[in-house]
Amino acid sequence: MKSVLIPVRRLANVQNKALFSKQKLVWNDPLLWKDQLTEDERMIYESATNFCRTQLLPGITHANRTETFDRNIMKQIGEMGFLGPTLHGYGCAGVNYVSYGLIANAIEQIDSGYRSAMSVQSSLVMWPIYTYGTDEQKEKYLPALAKGDLIGKSFNPYTSFISVLTFLFAHVRLLWSN
């Protein structure tokens, strides 16, 4: 069977001609996603971008040159409401997930390590407390985590797995020795 290639332009009907018109490429937004943001989302993105460029960049540059993790940078991120931004109450901003992505994008433009730290703090530390914690735990931990005063640790399955194996090995050895 012989396949026939038909140019896409020939298949397009008159109504879809706009799809093939020549538009200038916007190099910093090729998918034009900024045009799809709400006014609030646009303000959050501009605020986050300006904050990251003016406030975070100098500190992150110094931290990278000295090969350190600066906790004060996490406090600055927290002061802006960027830690746990999708959570409501407890000092969190309560914004939508698009805004969370915009904040993460703004921080990522400056440094991926601190964007990762922000994401881990927000998603792996704060969200489980917010979702599954008691009211007492929420009141105790979430405000400090949201401000960046407390940097949480996430569950590390590798070290936990090793701990469980070590525990089990010790007990199995005790059982066999009896």
N, C-alpha and C. Protein backbone atom coordinates (compact mmCIF):
# COMPACT_ATOMS: atom_id res chain seq x y z
N MET A 1 0.84 -1.17 0.00
CA MET A 1 0.00 0.00 0.00
C MET A 1 0.89 1.23 0.00
N LYS A 2 0.59 2.12 -0.87
CA LYS A 2 1.38 3.34 -1.02
C LYS A 2 0.77 4.45 -0.15
N SER A 3 1.62 5.07 0.68
CA SER A 3 1.10 6.17 1.50
C SER A 3 1.25 7.47 0.74
N VAL A 4 0.31 8.32 0.96
CA VAL A 4 0.30 9.61 0.29
C VAL A 4 0.40 10.70 1.34
N LEU A 5 1.38 11.55 1.19
CA LEU A 5 1.53 12.66 2.12
C LEU A 5 0.88 13.90 1.52
N ILE A 6 -0.05 14.44 2.25
CA ILE A 6 -0.72 15.65 1.81
C ILE A 6 -0.28 16.78 2.73
N PRO A 7 0.20 17.86 2.15
CA PRO A 7 0.63 18.98 2.99
C PRO A 7 -0.50 19.44 3.90
N VAL A 8 -0.15 19.75 5.14
CA VAL A 8 -1.13 20.17 6.13
C VAL A 8 -1.87 21.42 5.67
N ARG A 9 -1.18 22.31 5.00
CA ARG A 9 -1.83 23.55 4.54
C ARG A 9 -3.00 23.25 3.59
N ARG A 10 -2.86 22.22 2.79
CA ARG A 10 -3.91 21.89 1.85
C ARG A 10 -5.13 21.29 2.57
N LEU A 11 -4.89 20.62 3.69
CA LEU A 11 -5.98 20.02 4.45
C LEU A 11 -6.77 21.06 5.24
N ALA A 12 -6.14 22.16 5.56
CA ALA A 12 -6.79 23.16 6.39
C ALA A 12 -7.92 23.83 5.62
N ASN A 13 -9.04 24.00 6.30
CA ASN A 13 -10.14 24.71 5.64
C ASN A 13 -9.99 26.21 5.87
N VAL A 14 -10.87 26.95 5.31
CA VAL A 14 -10.79 28.41 5.35
C VAL A 14 -10.83 28.92 6.79
N GLN A 15 -11.60 28.28 7.66
CA GLN A 15 -11.74 28.73 9.05
C GLN A 15 -10.43 28.58 9.82
N ASN A 16 -9.60 27.62 9.46
CA ASN A 16 -8.35 27.38 10.20
C ASN A 16 -7.15 28.09 9.59
N LYS A 17 -7.37 28.95 8.63
CA LYS A 17 -6.24 29.65 8.00
C LYS A 17 -5.47 30.49 9.01
N ALA A 18 -6.15 30.96 10.05
CA ALA A 18 -5.47 31.77 11.07
C ALA A 18 -4.39 30.97 11.77
N LEU A 19 -4.55 29.65 11.85
CA LEU A 19 -3.54 28.81 12.50
C LEU A 19 -2.21 28.84 11.76
N PHE A 20 -2.28 29.08 10.44
CA PHE A 20 -1.08 29.03 9.64
C PHE A 20 -0.54 30.42 9.29
N SER A 21 -1.15 31.45 9.85
CA SER A 21 -0.65 32.80 9.57
C SER A 21 0.70 32.96 10.27
N LYS A 22 1.48 33.82 9.71
CA LYS A 22 2.82 34.02 10.28
C LYS A 22 2.73 35.01 11.43
N GLN A 23 3.05 34.51 12.62
CA GLN A 23 3.08 35.35 13.81
C GLN A 23 4.52 35.42 14.29
N LYS A 24 4.84 36.54 14.89
CA LYS A 24 6.18 36.65 15.46
C LYS A 24 6.27 35.79 16.71
N LEU A 25 7.38 35.11 16.84
CA LEU A 25 7.63 34.29 18.01
C LEU A 25 8.00 35.18 19.18
N VAL A 26 7.31 35.01 20.29
CA VAL A 26 7.67 35.71 21.51
C VAL A 26 8.65 34.79 22.23
N TRP A 27 9.93 35.11 22.17
CA TRP A 27 10.97 34.19 22.63
C TRP A 27 10.88 33.85 24.11
N ASN A 28 10.43 34.78 24.96
CA ASN A 28 10.38 34.48 26.39
C ASN A 28 9.02 33.92 26.82
N ASP A 29 8.09 33.78 25.90
CA ASP A 29 6.80 33.16 26.18
C ASP A 29 6.25 32.55 24.88
N PRO A 30 6.93 31.52 24.33
CA PRO A 30 6.54 31.00 23.02
C PRO A 30 5.14 30.39 22.98
N LEU A 31 4.63 29.91 24.11
CA LEU A 31 3.29 29.33 24.14
C LEU A 31 2.22 30.34 24.56
N LEU A 32 2.67 31.56 24.80
CA LEU A 32 1.78 32.66 25.20
C LEU A 32 0.95 32.31 26.44
N TRP A 33 1.58 31.62 27.38
CA TRP A 33 0.85 31.24 28.59
C TRP A 33 0.57 32.43 29.50
N LYS A 34 1.38 33.47 29.42
CA LYS A 34 1.15 34.64 30.26
C LYS A 34 -0.17 35.34 29.90
N ASP A 35 -0.59 35.20 28.64
CA ASP A 35 -1.86 35.78 28.22
C ASP A 35 -3.06 35.06 28.83
N GLN A 36 -2.85 33.85 29.32
CA GLN A 36 -3.94 33.05 29.86
C GLN A 36 -4.11 33.20 31.37
N LEU A 37 -3.24 33.99 32.01
CA LEU A 37 -3.30 34.17 33.46
C LEU A 37 -4.39 35.15 33.85
N THR A 38 -4.95 34.94 35.03
CA THR A 38 -5.88 35.93 35.58
C THR A 38 -5.07 37.12 36.06
N GLU A 39 -5.75 38.20 36.37
CA GLU A 39 -5.05 39.39 36.85
C GLU A 39 -4.30 39.10 38.16
N ASP A 40 -4.93 38.35 39.07
CA ASP A 40 -4.27 37.99 40.33
C ASP A 40 -3.02 37.15 40.09
N GLU A 41 -3.13 36.17 39.19
CA GLU A 41 -1.99 35.31 38.88
C GLU A 41 -0.86 36.12 38.26
N ARG A 42 -1.22 37.06 37.40
CA ARG A 42 -0.20 37.91 36.77
C ARG A 42 0.51 38.76 37.82
N MET A 43 -0.25 39.32 38.77
CA MET A 43 0.36 40.12 39.83
C MET A 43 1.27 39.28 40.72
N ILE A 44 0.85 38.07 41.03
CA ILE A 44 1.67 37.17 41.84
C ILE A 44 2.96 36.84 41.11
N TYR A 45 2.88 36.55 39.82
CA TYR A 45 4.07 36.21 39.06
C TYR A 45 5.04 37.40 38.98
N GLU A 46 4.52 38.57 38.71
CA GLU A 46 5.37 39.76 38.63
C GLU A 46 6.00 40.07 39.98
N SER A 47 5.22 39.95 41.04
CA SER A 47 5.74 40.18 42.39
C SER A 47 6.83 39.17 42.73
N ALA A 48 6.57 37.89 42.45
CA ALA A 48 7.55 36.84 42.74
C ALA A 48 8.82 37.03 41.92
N THR A 49 8.67 37.36 40.65
CA THR A 49 9.83 37.55 39.78
C THR A 49 10.67 38.73 40.25
N ASN A 50 10.03 39.84 40.55
CA ASN A 50 10.76 41.02 41.04
C ASN A 50 11.46 40.74 42.36
N PHE A 51 10.77 40.07 43.27
CA PHE A 51 11.36 39.72 44.56
C PHE A 51 12.58 38.83 44.37
N CYS A 52 12.44 37.82 43.53
CA CYS A 52 13.55 36.87 43.32
C CYS A 52 14.76 37.56 42.71
N ARG A 53 14.53 38.44 41.76
CA ARG A 53 15.66 39.10 41.10
C ARG A 53 16.34 40.13 41.99
N THR A 54 15.56 40.85 42.79
CA THR A 54 16.16 41.92 43.60
C THR A 54 16.62 41.45 44.97
N GLN A 55 15.88 40.54 45.59
CA GLN A 55 16.19 40.14 46.97
C GLN A 55 16.94 38.81 47.06
N LEU A 56 16.46 37.82 46.33
CA LEU A 56 17.05 36.48 46.46
C LEU A 56 18.36 36.31 45.71
N LEU A 57 18.46 36.90 44.54
CA LEU A 57 19.63 36.69 43.69
C LEU A 57 20.95 36.99 44.40
N PRO A 58 21.10 38.13 45.09
CA PRO A 58 22.39 38.37 45.77
C PRO A 58 22.72 37.32 46.84
N GLY A 59 21.72 36.95 47.64
CA GLY A 59 21.96 35.95 48.68
C GLY A 59 22.27 34.58 48.12
N ILE A 60 21.56 34.21 47.08
CA ILE A 60 21.78 32.90 46.47
C ILE A 60 23.13 32.85 45.76
N THR A 61 23.51 33.95 45.15
CA THR A 61 24.83 34.01 44.51
C THR A 61 25.92 33.77 45.54
N HIS A 62 25.80 34.44 46.70
CA HIS A 62 26.78 34.26 47.78
C HIS A 62 26.75 32.82 48.30
N ALA A 63 25.56 32.26 48.51
CA ALA A 63 25.45 30.89 49.02
C ALA A 63 26.06 29.89 48.05
N ASN A 64 25.86 30.10 46.77
CA ASN A 64 26.45 29.18 45.78
C ASN A 64 27.97 29.28 45.75
N ARG A 65 28.48 30.51 45.87
CA ARG A 65 29.94 30.68 45.84
C ARG A 65 30.61 30.10 47.08
N THR A 66 29.93 30.14 48.21
CA THR A 66 30.50 29.59 49.44
C THR A 66 30.05 28.15 49.68
N GLU A 67 29.25 27.61 48.77
CA GLU A 67 28.75 26.24 48.85
C GLU A 67 28.04 25.97 50.16
N THR A 68 27.10 26.86 50.50
CA THR A 68 26.32 26.72 51.72
C THR A 68 24.83 26.85 51.40
N PHE A 69 24.01 26.37 52.32
CA PHE A 69 22.57 26.56 52.24
C PHE A 69 22.21 27.62 53.27
N ASP A 70 21.75 28.75 52.82
CA ASP A 70 21.46 29.88 53.70
C ASP A 70 20.01 29.82 54.16
N ARG A 71 19.79 29.56 55.45
CA ARG A 71 18.45 29.48 56.00
C ARG A 71 17.72 30.83 55.94
N ASN A 72 18.50 31.92 55.92
CA ASN A 72 17.86 33.24 55.83
C ASN A 72 17.13 33.42 54.50
N ILE A 73 17.63 32.77 53.46
CA ILE A 73 16.93 32.83 52.18
C ILE A 73 15.57 32.16 52.30
N MET A 74 15.50 31.05 53.02
CA MET A 74 14.20 30.39 53.23
C MET A 74 13.28 31.29 54.05
N LYS A 75 13.84 32.04 54.99
CA LYS A 75 13.01 32.98 55.77
C LYS A 75 12.46 34.09 54.86
N GLN A 76 13.30 34.57 53.94
CA GLN A 76 12.83 35.59 53.00
C GLN A 76 11.71 35.04 52.12
N ILE A 77 11.88 33.81 51.67
CA ILE A 77 10.85 33.16 50.85
C ILE A 77 9.56 33.03 51.67
N GLY A 78 9.71 32.68 52.94
CA GLY A 78 8.55 32.56 53.82
C GLY A 78 7.87 33.89 54.09
N GLU A 79 8.65 34.94 54.26
CA GLU A 79 8.08 36.26 54.51
C GLU A 79 7.22 36.74 53.35
N MET A 80 7.55 36.31 52.15
CA MET A 80 6.76 36.68 50.98
C MET A 80 5.50 35.82 50.84
N GLY A 81 5.36 34.80 51.66
CA GLY A 81 4.19 33.92 51.58
C GLY A 81 4.35 32.81 50.55
N PHE A 82 5.60 32.49 50.21
CA PHE A 82 5.86 31.49 49.18
C PHE A 82 6.00 30.08 49.73
N LEU A 83 5.98 29.90 51.04
CA LEU A 83 6.05 28.56 51.62
C LEU A 83 4.64 28.11 51.97
N GLY A 84 4.24 26.97 51.43
CA GLY A 84 2.88 26.48 51.63
C GLY A 84 1.84 27.41 51.05
N PRO A 85 2.07 27.96 49.86
CA PRO A 85 1.16 29.00 49.36
C PRO A 85 -0.25 28.52 49.05
N THR A 86 -0.45 27.23 48.83
CA THR A 86 -1.79 26.74 48.50
C THR A 86 -2.61 26.41 49.74
N LEU A 87 -1.98 26.43 50.90
CA LEU A 87 -2.69 26.13 52.14
C LEU A 87 -3.43 27.37 52.62
N HIS A 88 -4.55 27.16 53.29
CA HIS A 88 -5.37 28.27 53.80
C HIS A 88 -5.20 28.38 55.31
N GLY A 89 -4.97 29.59 55.78
CA GLY A 89 -4.80 29.82 57.21
C GLY A 89 -3.38 29.53 57.66
N TYR A 90 -3.13 29.66 58.93
CA TYR A 90 -1.84 29.36 59.55
C TYR A 90 -0.69 30.19 58.98
N GLY A 91 -1.00 31.37 58.46
CA GLY A 91 0.02 32.23 57.88
C GLY A 91 0.36 31.92 56.43
N CYS A 92 -0.43 31.05 55.81
CA CYS A 92 -0.20 30.68 54.41
C CYS A 92 -1.07 31.54 53.50
N ALA A 93 -0.66 31.68 52.25
CA ALA A 93 -1.32 32.61 51.33
C ALA A 93 -2.67 32.11 50.83
N GLY A 94 -2.85 30.82 50.64
CA GLY A 94 -4.12 30.29 50.16
C GLY A 94 -4.40 30.59 48.70
N VAL A 95 -3.36 30.55 47.86
CA VAL A 95 -3.53 30.82 46.42
C VAL A 95 -3.78 29.51 45.67
N ASN A 96 -4.13 29.61 44.40
CA ASN A 96 -4.39 28.40 43.61
C ASN A 96 -3.08 27.76 43.14
N TYR A 97 -3.21 26.60 42.51
CA TYR A 97 -2.02 25.85 42.11
C TYR A 97 -1.30 26.47 40.92
N VAL A 98 -2.00 27.22 40.11
CA VAL A 98 -1.33 27.95 39.03
C VAL A 98 -0.37 28.98 39.65
N SER A 99 -0.85 29.68 40.67
CA SER A 99 0.00 30.66 41.35
C SER A 99 1.20 29.99 42.00
N TYR A 100 0.99 28.82 42.58
CA TYR A 100 2.09 28.06 43.16
C TYR A 100 3.14 27.75 42.09
N GLY A 101 2.68 27.33 40.91
CA GLY A 101 3.59 27.06 39.81
C GLY A 101 4.33 28.30 39.35
N LEU A 102 3.66 29.44 39.34
CA LEU A 102 4.29 30.69 38.95
C LEU A 102 5.36 31.11 39.94
N ILE A 103 5.07 30.93 41.23
CA ILE A 103 6.06 31.23 42.28
C ILE A 103 7.27 30.32 42.11
N ALA A 104 7.01 29.03 41.92
CA ALA A 104 8.11 28.07 41.73
C ALA A 104 8.93 28.42 40.50
N ASN A 105 8.27 28.86 39.43
CA ASN A 105 8.97 29.25 38.21
C ASN A 105 9.87 30.45 38.46
N ALA A 106 9.38 31.42 39.20
CA ALA A 106 10.17 32.62 39.49
C ALA A 106 11.42 32.28 40.30
N ILE A 107 11.27 31.40 41.29
CA ILE A 107 12.43 30.99 42.11
C ILE A 107 13.37 30.13 41.28
N GLU A 108 12.82 29.26 40.44
CA GLU A 108 13.63 28.38 39.58
C GLU A 108 14.51 29.19 38.63
N GLN A 109 14.03 30.34 38.18
CA GLN A 109 14.82 31.17 37.29
C GLN A 109 16.10 31.65 37.97
N ILE A 110 16.09 31.74 39.29
CA ILE A 110 17.26 32.18 40.05
C ILE A 110 18.09 31.00 40.50
N ASP A 111 17.44 29.97 41.09
CA ASP A 111 18.20 28.83 41.61
C ASP A 111 17.29 27.63 41.80
N SER A 112 17.66 26.50 41.21
CA SER A 112 16.82 25.30 41.31
C SER A 112 16.88 24.66 42.69
N GLY A 113 17.99 24.82 43.39
CA GLY A 113 18.12 24.23 44.72
C GLY A 113 17.14 24.84 45.72
N TYR A 114 17.01 26.14 45.70
CA TYR A 114 16.07 26.80 46.62
C TYR A 114 14.63 26.61 46.17
N ARG A 115 14.41 26.44 44.86
CA ARG A 115 13.06 26.09 44.40
C ARG A 115 12.69 24.71 44.91
N SER A 116 13.65 23.79 44.88
CA SER A 116 13.40 22.45 45.41
C SER A 116 13.12 22.51 46.91
N ALA A 117 13.90 23.31 47.63
CA ALA A 117 13.69 23.45 49.07
C ALA A 117 12.30 24.02 49.35
N MET A 118 11.88 25.01 48.56
CA MET A 118 10.55 25.60 48.72
C MET A 118 9.47 24.55 48.44
N SER A 119 9.65 23.76 47.40
CA SER A 119 8.67 22.73 47.06
C SER A 119 8.60 21.63 48.11
N VAL A 120 9.74 21.20 48.60
CA VAL A 120 9.76 20.16 49.64
C VAL A 120 9.08 20.68 50.91
N GLN A 121 9.43 21.91 51.31
CA GLN A 121 8.82 22.50 52.50
C GLN A 121 7.30 22.58 52.33
N SER A 122 6.84 23.00 51.15
CA SER A 122 5.41 23.21 50.91
C SER A 122 4.65 21.90 50.73
N SER A 123 5.20 21.00 49.92
CA SER A 123 4.45 19.80 49.53
C SER A 123 4.70 18.58 50.40
N LEU A 124 5.95 18.34 50.79
CA LEU A 124 6.26 17.12 51.54
C LEU A 124 6.28 17.32 53.05
N VAL A 125 6.37 18.57 53.49
CA VAL A 125 6.40 18.83 54.93
C VAL A 125 5.08 19.44 55.40
N MET A 126 4.70 20.56 54.80
CA MET A 126 3.53 21.30 55.28
C MET A 126 2.20 20.66 54.89
N TRP A 127 2.09 20.19 53.65
CA TRP A 127 0.82 19.65 53.18
C TRP A 127 0.35 18.45 54.00
N PRO A 128 1.21 17.47 54.33
CA PRO A 128 0.73 16.35 55.15
C PRO A 128 0.28 16.79 56.54
N ILE A 129 0.96 17.76 57.12
CA ILE A 129 0.52 18.26 58.43
C ILE A 129 -0.84 18.93 58.28
N TYR A 130 -1.00 19.74 57.24
CA TYR A 130 -2.26 20.44 56.98
C TYR A 130 -3.40 19.45 56.72
N THR A 131 -3.11 18.39 55.99
CA THR A 131 -4.14 17.44 55.58
C THR A 131 -4.45 16.40 56.65
N TYR A 132 -3.41 15.87 57.31
CA TYR A 132 -3.61 14.75 58.22
C TYR A 132 -3.32 15.07 59.68
N GLY A 133 -2.73 16.22 59.95
CA GLY A 133 -2.36 16.54 61.33
C GLY A 133 -3.54 16.94 62.19
N THR A 134 -3.34 16.87 63.49
CA THR A 134 -4.36 17.33 64.43
C THR A 134 -4.34 18.86 64.45
N ASP A 135 -5.38 19.44 65.00
CA ASP A 135 -5.43 20.90 65.11
C ASP A 135 -4.24 21.42 65.93
N GLU A 136 -3.87 20.68 66.95
CA GLU A 136 -2.73 21.05 67.80
C GLU A 136 -1.43 21.05 66.98
N GLN A 137 -1.23 20.03 66.16
CA GLN A 137 -0.02 19.97 65.32
C GLN A 137 -0.01 21.09 64.29
N LYS A 138 -1.17 21.37 63.70
CA LYS A 138 -1.26 22.46 62.72
C LYS A 138 -0.89 23.79 63.35
N GLU A 139 -1.46 24.07 64.51
CA GLU A 139 -1.18 25.34 65.21
C GLU A 139 0.29 25.44 65.63
N LYS A 140 0.86 24.31 65.99
CA LYS A 140 2.25 24.31 66.48
C LYS A 140 3.26 24.47 65.33
N TYR A 141 3.07 23.75 64.24
CA TYR A 141 4.11 23.69 63.21
C TYR A 141 3.89 24.58 61.99
N LEU A 142 2.67 24.68 61.49
CA LEU A 142 2.44 25.36 60.22
C LEU A 142 2.84 26.84 60.21
N PRO A 143 2.52 27.63 61.24
CA PRO A 143 2.96 29.04 61.18
C PRO A 143 4.48 29.19 61.10
N ALA A 144 5.22 28.40 61.87
CA ALA A 144 6.68 28.48 61.84
C ALA A 144 7.24 27.97 60.52
N LEU A 145 6.63 26.93 59.96
CA LEU A 145 7.06 26.41 58.66
C LEU A 145 6.75 27.42 57.55
N ALA A 146 5.61 28.09 57.64
CA ALA A 146 5.22 29.08 56.63
C ALA A 146 6.14 30.29 56.63
N LYS A 147 6.63 30.67 57.79
CA LYS A 147 7.54 31.82 57.89
C LYS A 147 8.97 31.47 57.50
N GLY A 148 9.28 30.19 57.49
CA GLY A 148 10.65 29.77 57.21
C GLY A 148 11.50 29.73 58.47
N ASP A 149 10.85 29.93 59.64
CA ASP A 149 11.58 29.84 60.91
C ASP A 149 11.95 28.40 61.21
N LEU A 150 11.16 27.49 60.72
CA LEU A 150 11.39 26.06 60.92
C LEU A 150 11.49 25.42 59.54
N ILE A 151 12.58 24.73 59.30
CA ILE A 151 12.76 24.02 58.04
C ILE A 151 12.52 22.55 58.33
N GLY A 152 11.52 21.98 57.66
CA GLY A 152 11.13 20.61 57.94
C GLY A 152 11.98 19.60 57.20
N LYS A 153 11.96 18.38 57.70
CA LYS A 153 12.62 17.27 57.03
C LYS A 153 11.56 16.39 56.43
N SER A 154 11.81 15.92 55.26
CA SER A 154 10.86 15.01 54.62
C SER A 154 11.25 13.57 54.94
N PHE A 155 10.32 12.69 54.71
CA PHE A 155 10.53 11.27 54.92
C PHE A 155 11.53 10.77 53.90
N ASN A 156 12.56 10.09 54.36
CA ASN A 156 13.56 9.52 53.45
C ASN A 156 13.38 8.01 53.44
N PRO A 157 12.78 7.47 52.39
CA PRO A 157 12.49 6.04 52.39
C PRO A 157 13.73 5.17 52.45
N TYR A 158 14.86 5.63 51.89
CA TYR A 158 16.07 4.81 51.91
C TYR A 158 16.58 4.63 53.33
N THR A 159 16.73 5.74 54.05
CA THR A 159 17.25 5.62 55.42
C THR A 159 16.25 4.91 56.30
N SER A 160 14.96 5.13 56.08
CA SER A 160 13.96 4.44 56.87
C SER A 160 13.98 2.95 56.58
N PHE A 161 14.14 2.59 55.32
CA PHE A 161 14.20 1.19 54.93
C PHE A 161 15.41 0.51 55.59
N ILE A 162 16.56 1.18 55.56
CA ILE A 162 17.76 0.64 56.20
C ILE A 162 17.54 0.48 57.70
N SER A 163 16.88 1.47 58.31
CA SER A 163 16.61 1.38 59.75
C SER A 163 15.73 0.18 60.06
N VAL A 164 14.71 -0.04 59.24
CA VAL A 164 13.82 -1.18 59.45
C VAL A 164 14.58 -2.49 59.28
N LEU A 165 15.41 -2.57 58.22
CA LEU A 165 16.19 -3.80 58.02
C LEU A 165 17.14 -4.06 59.18
N THR A 166 17.80 -3.01 59.66
CA THR A 166 18.72 -3.16 60.79
C THR A 166 17.97 -3.65 62.02
N PHE A 167 16.80 -3.06 62.27
CA PHE A 167 15.98 -3.47 63.41
C PHE A 167 15.56 -4.93 63.28
N LEU A 168 15.06 -5.29 62.08
CA LEU A 168 14.61 -6.66 61.87
C LEU A 168 15.77 -7.65 61.97
N PHE A 169 16.92 -7.31 61.40
CA PHE A 169 18.07 -8.19 61.45
C PHE A 169 18.50 -8.45 62.90
N ALA A 170 18.48 -7.39 63.70
CA ALA A 170 18.86 -7.53 65.11
C ALA A 170 17.90 -8.47 65.83
N HIS A 171 16.61 -8.34 65.55
CA HIS A 171 15.63 -9.20 66.22
C HIS A 171 15.64 -10.63 65.70
N VAL A 172 15.85 -10.80 64.40
CA VAL A 172 15.93 -12.15 63.84
C VAL A 172 17.16 -12.85 64.42
N ARG A 173 18.27 -12.14 64.53
CA ARG A 173 19.48 -12.73 65.09
C ARG A 173 19.26 -13.14 66.54
N LEU A 174 18.51 -12.32 67.28
CA LEU A 174 18.21 -12.68 68.67
C LEU A 174 17.34 -13.93 68.74
N LEU A 175 16.38 -14.04 67.81
CA LEU A 175 15.52 -15.21 67.81
C LEU A 175 16.32 -16.48 67.49
N TRP A 176 17.23 -16.41 66.55
CA TRP A 176 18.02 -17.58 66.18
C TRP A 176 19.02 -17.96 67.23
N SER A 177 19.47 -16.98 68.00
CA SER A 177 20.48 -17.30 69.01
C SER A 177 19.90 -17.99 70.22
N ASN A 178 18.59 -17.89 70.41
CA ASN A 178 17.94 -18.53 71.58
C ASN A 178 17.73 -19.96 71.38
